[in-house]
Amino acid sequence: MTFTKQRNLRSYRRRFADPLTVVTDPDLTFYNSMGFTRGSVWRVYGWRAIITYARLLGGGARMTRSEEDTLQLGGNVLLAADGQLVWRYHGAGPDDRPSFDELRAAVADLP
């Protein structure tokens, strides 16, 4: 699931998602219902991000303003076929995600 608008997903679905289903939640209804939160500007754009952006800009990259909320901290959820929440991971930062092994173990425990 992503929070972008449908129009932004067409190319992504063609290139990466097939045969997976990718859905969007642009008004953050599901995001909020899972208890996910936003981070502070410093938490999301700390020194590491500042240094990365400085290197990119120094190398000639151009920045564009995001149309989306870049302060979302996100996470991961697994839902059973009946829609029941069976596993949830709250990210501590924008790049905090469970390992592949954690995801695989959670999937193995699905009812």
C-alpha atoms as a PDB file:
ATOM      1  CA  MET A   1       0.000   0.000   0.000  1.00  0.00           C
ATOM      2  CA  THR A   2       1.140   3.462  -0.771  1.00  0.00           C
ATOM      3  CA  PHE A   3      -0.235   6.930  -0.157  1.00  0.00           C
ATOM      4  CA  THR A   4       0.279   8.395  -3.570  1.00  0.00           C
ATOM      5  CA  LYS A   5      -2.479   9.217  -6.021  1.00  0.00           C
ATOM      6  CA  GLN A   6      -3.668   6.525  -8.450  1.00  0.00           C
ATOM      7  CA  ARG A   7      -2.200   8.402 -11.428  1.00  0.00           C
ATOM      8  CA  ASN A   8       1.276   8.063  -9.904  1.00  0.00           C
ATOM      9  CA  LEU A   9       1.017   4.265  -9.653  1.00  0.00           C
ATOM     10  CA  ARG A  10       0.465   3.309 -13.286  1.00  0.00           C
ATOM     11  CA  SER A  11       4.122   3.204 -14.258  1.00  0.00           C
ATOM     12  CA  TYR A  12       5.156   1.572 -10.977  1.00  0.00           C
ATOM     13  CA  ARG A  13       2.612  -1.208 -11.403  1.00  0.00           C
ATOM     14  CA  ARG A  14       3.775  -1.903 -14.946  1.00  0.00           C
ATOM     15  CA  ARG A  15       7.454  -1.988 -13.997  1.00  0.00           C
ATOM     16  CA  PHE A  16       7.527  -3.604 -10.563  1.00  0.00           C
ATOM     17  CA  ALA A  17       4.274  -4.848  -9.104  1.00  0.00           C
ATOM     18  CA  ASP A  18       2.957  -7.451 -11.493  1.00  0.00           C
ATOM     19  CA  PRO A  19       1.505  -9.864 -10.300  1.00  0.00           C
ATOM     20  CA  LEU A  20       1.077  -8.193  -6.892  1.00  0.00           C
ATOM     21  CA  THR A  21      -1.831  -5.962  -5.995  1.00  0.00           C
ATOM     22  CA  VAL A  22      -0.818  -2.429  -5.058  1.00  0.00           C
ATOM     23  CA  VAL A  23      -3.460  -0.237  -3.497  1.00  0.00           C
ATOM     24  CA  THR A  24      -3.379   3.401  -2.536  1.00  0.00           C
ATOM     25  CA  ASP A  25      -4.638   5.270   0.527  1.00  0.00           C
ATOM     26  CA  PRO A  26      -4.180   8.951  -0.391  1.00  0.00           C
ATOM     27  CA  ASP A  27      -6.396  10.242   2.434  1.00  0.00           C
ATOM     28  CA  LEU A  28      -4.474   8.086   4.983  1.00  0.00           C
ATOM     29  CA  THR A  29      -7.581   6.351   6.364  1.00  0.00           C
ATOM     30  CA  PHE A  30      -5.891   2.949   6.642  1.00  0.00           C
ATOM     31  CA  TYR A  31      -2.584   4.514   7.711  1.00  0.00           C
ATOM     32  CA  ASN A  32      -4.265   6.284  10.611  1.00  0.00           C
ATOM     33  CA  SER A  33      -6.331   3.237  11.589  1.00  0.00           C
ATOM     34  CA  MET A  34      -3.097   1.247  11.991  1.00  0.00           C
ATOM     35  CA  GLY A  35      -1.722   3.855  14.389  1.00  0.00           C
ATOM     36  CA  PHE A  36       1.089   4.994  12.123  1.00  0.00           C
ATOM     37  CA  THR A  37       2.345   8.511  12.782  1.00  0.00           C
ATOM     38  CA  ARG A  38       4.342  11.359  11.309  1.00  0.00           C
ATOM     39  CA  GLY A  39       7.872  12.171  12.339  1.00  0.00           C
ATOM     40  CA  SER A  40       9.417  15.514  13.071  1.00  0.00           C
ATOM     41  CA  VAL A  41      11.349  17.280  10.327  1.00  0.00           C
ATOM     42  CA  TRP A  42      14.609  16.501  12.145  1.00  0.00           C
ATOM     43  CA  ARG A  43      13.704  12.819  12.602  1.00  0.00           C
ATOM     44  CA  VAL A  44      12.986  12.426   8.894  1.00  0.00           C
ATOM     45  CA  TYR A  45      15.617  14.806   7.513  1.00  0.00           C
ATOM     46  CA  GLY A  46      18.535  14.399   9.937  1.00  0.00           C
ATOM     47  CA  TRP A  47      22.208  14.842   9.160  1.00  0.00           C
ATOM     48  CA  ARG A  48      22.370  11.717   7.023  1.00  0.00           C
ATOM     49  CA  ALA A  49      19.632  13.011   4.698  1.00  0.00           C
ATOM     50  CA  ILE A  50      21.143  16.505   4.599  1.00  0.00           C
ATOM     51  CA  ILE A  51      24.529  15.081   3.588  1.00  0.00           C
ATOM     52  CA  THR A  52      22.937  12.844   0.952  1.00  0.00           C
ATOM     53  CA  TYR A  53      20.973  15.752  -0.551  1.00  0.00           C
ATOM     54  CA  ALA A  54      24.074  17.963  -0.518  1.00  0.00           C
ATOM     55  CA  ARG A  55      26.003  15.305  -2.457  1.00  0.00           C
ATOM     56  CA  LEU A  56      23.183  14.898  -4.960  1.00  0.00           C
ATOM     57  CA  LEU A  57      22.856  18.640  -5.502  1.00  0.00           C
ATOM     58  CA  GLY A  58      26.634  18.991  -5.755  1.00  0.00           C
ATOM     59  CA  GLY A  59      26.578  16.348  -8.464  1.00  0.00           C
ATOM     60  CA  GLY A  60      24.030  18.285 -10.504  1.00  0.00           C
ATOM     61  CA  ALA A  61      20.793  16.661  -9.349  1.00  0.00           C
ATOM     62  CA  ARG A  62      17.709  18.846  -9.333  1.00  0.00           C
ATOM     63  CA  MET A  63      15.233  18.857  -6.474  1.00  0.00           C
ATOM     64  CA  THR A  64      11.501  18.998  -7.000  1.00  0.00           C
ATOM     65  CA  ARG A  65       8.863  19.599  -4.360  1.00  0.00           C
ATOM     66  CA  SER A  66       7.077  16.435  -3.299  1.00  0.00           C
ATOM     67  CA  GLU A  67       3.321  16.236  -3.751  1.00  0.00           C
ATOM     68  CA  GLU A  68       3.104  13.855  -0.799  1.00  0.00           C
ATOM     69  CA  ASP A  69       3.602  13.954   2.949  1.00  0.00           C
ATOM     70  CA  THR A  70       7.287  13.182   3.389  1.00  0.00           C
ATOM     71  CA  LEU A  71       7.030  13.048   7.188  1.00  0.00           C
ATOM     72  CA  GLN A  72       5.069   9.786   7.291  1.00  0.00           C
ATOM     73  CA  LEU A  73       6.895   7.163   9.340  1.00  0.00           C
ATOM     74  CA  GLY A  74       5.040   4.209   7.880  1.00  0.00           C
ATOM     75  CA  GLY A  75       5.399   0.571   8.686  1.00  0.00           C
ATOM     76  CA  ASN A  76       4.290  -2.805   7.460  1.00  0.00           C
ATOM     77  CA  VAL A  77       1.168  -4.860   8.021  1.00  0.00           C
ATOM     78  CA  LEU A  78       0.036  -8.324   7.040  1.00  0.00           C
ATOM     79  CA  LEU A  79      -3.643  -9.041   6.638  1.00  0.00           C
ATOM     80  CA  ALA A  80      -5.229 -12.474   6.482  1.00  0.00           C
ATOM     81  CA  ALA A  81      -7.400 -13.303   3.478  1.00  0.00           C
ATOM     82  CA  ASP A  82     -10.460 -12.270   5.518  1.00  0.00           C
ATOM     83  CA  GLY A  83      -8.967  -8.810   6.180  1.00  0.00           C
ATOM     84  CA  GLN A  84      -8.015  -9.532   9.799  1.00  0.00           C
ATOM     85  CA  LEU A  85      -4.813  -7.816  10.966  1.00  0.00           C
ATOM     86  CA  VAL A  86      -2.323 -10.531  11.885  1.00  0.00           C
ATOM     87  CA  TRP A  87       0.980  -8.640  12.091  1.00  0.00           C
ATOM     88  CA  ARG A  88       2.089  -5.007  12.295  1.00  0.00           C
ATOM     89  CA  TYR A  89       5.476  -3.291  12.346  1.00  0.00           C
ATOM     90  CA  HIS A  90       5.728   0.396  13.265  1.00  0.00           C
ATOM     91  CA  GLY A  91       8.773   2.042  11.743  1.00  0.00           C
ATOM     92  CA  ALA A  92      10.849   4.175  14.111  1.00  0.00           C
ATOM     93  CA  GLY A  93      11.969   6.315  11.173  1.00  0.00           C
ATOM     94  CA  PRO A  94      11.306   6.723   7.463  1.00  0.00           C
ATOM     95  CA  ASP A  95      13.822   4.029   6.531  1.00  0.00           C
ATOM     96  CA  ASP A  96      13.028   1.599   9.357  1.00  0.00           C
ATOM     97  CA  ARG A  97      11.521  -1.571   7.954  1.00  0.00           C
ATOM     98  CA  PRO A  98      11.469  -5.174   9.118  1.00  0.00           C
ATOM     99  CA  SER A  99      14.075  -7.524   7.721  1.00  0.00           C
ATOM    100  CA  PHE A 100      13.164 -10.044   5.059  1.00  0.00           C
ATOM    101  CA  ASP A 101      13.475 -12.814   7.657  1.00  0.00           C
ATOM    102  CA  GLU A 102      11.007 -11.035   9.964  1.00  0.00           C
ATOM    103  CA  LEU A 103       8.527 -10.686   7.107  1.00  0.00           C
ATOM    104  CA  ARG A 104       8.986 -14.287   6.039  1.00  0.00           C
ATOM    105  CA  ALA A 105       8.378 -15.506   9.612  1.00  0.00           C
ATOM    106  CA  ALA A 106       5.245 -13.367   9.889  1.00  0.00           C
ATOM    107  CA  VAL A 107       3.924 -14.742   6.581  1.00  0.00           C
ATOM    108  CA  ALA A 108       4.655 -18.298   7.725  1.00  0.00           C
ATOM    109  CA  ASP A 109       2.479 -17.663  10.784  1.00  0.00           C
ATOM    110  CA  LEU A 110      -0.519 -16.528   8.728  1.00  0.00           C
ATOM    111  CA  PRO A 111      -3.673 -18.518   9.513  1.00  0.00           C
END
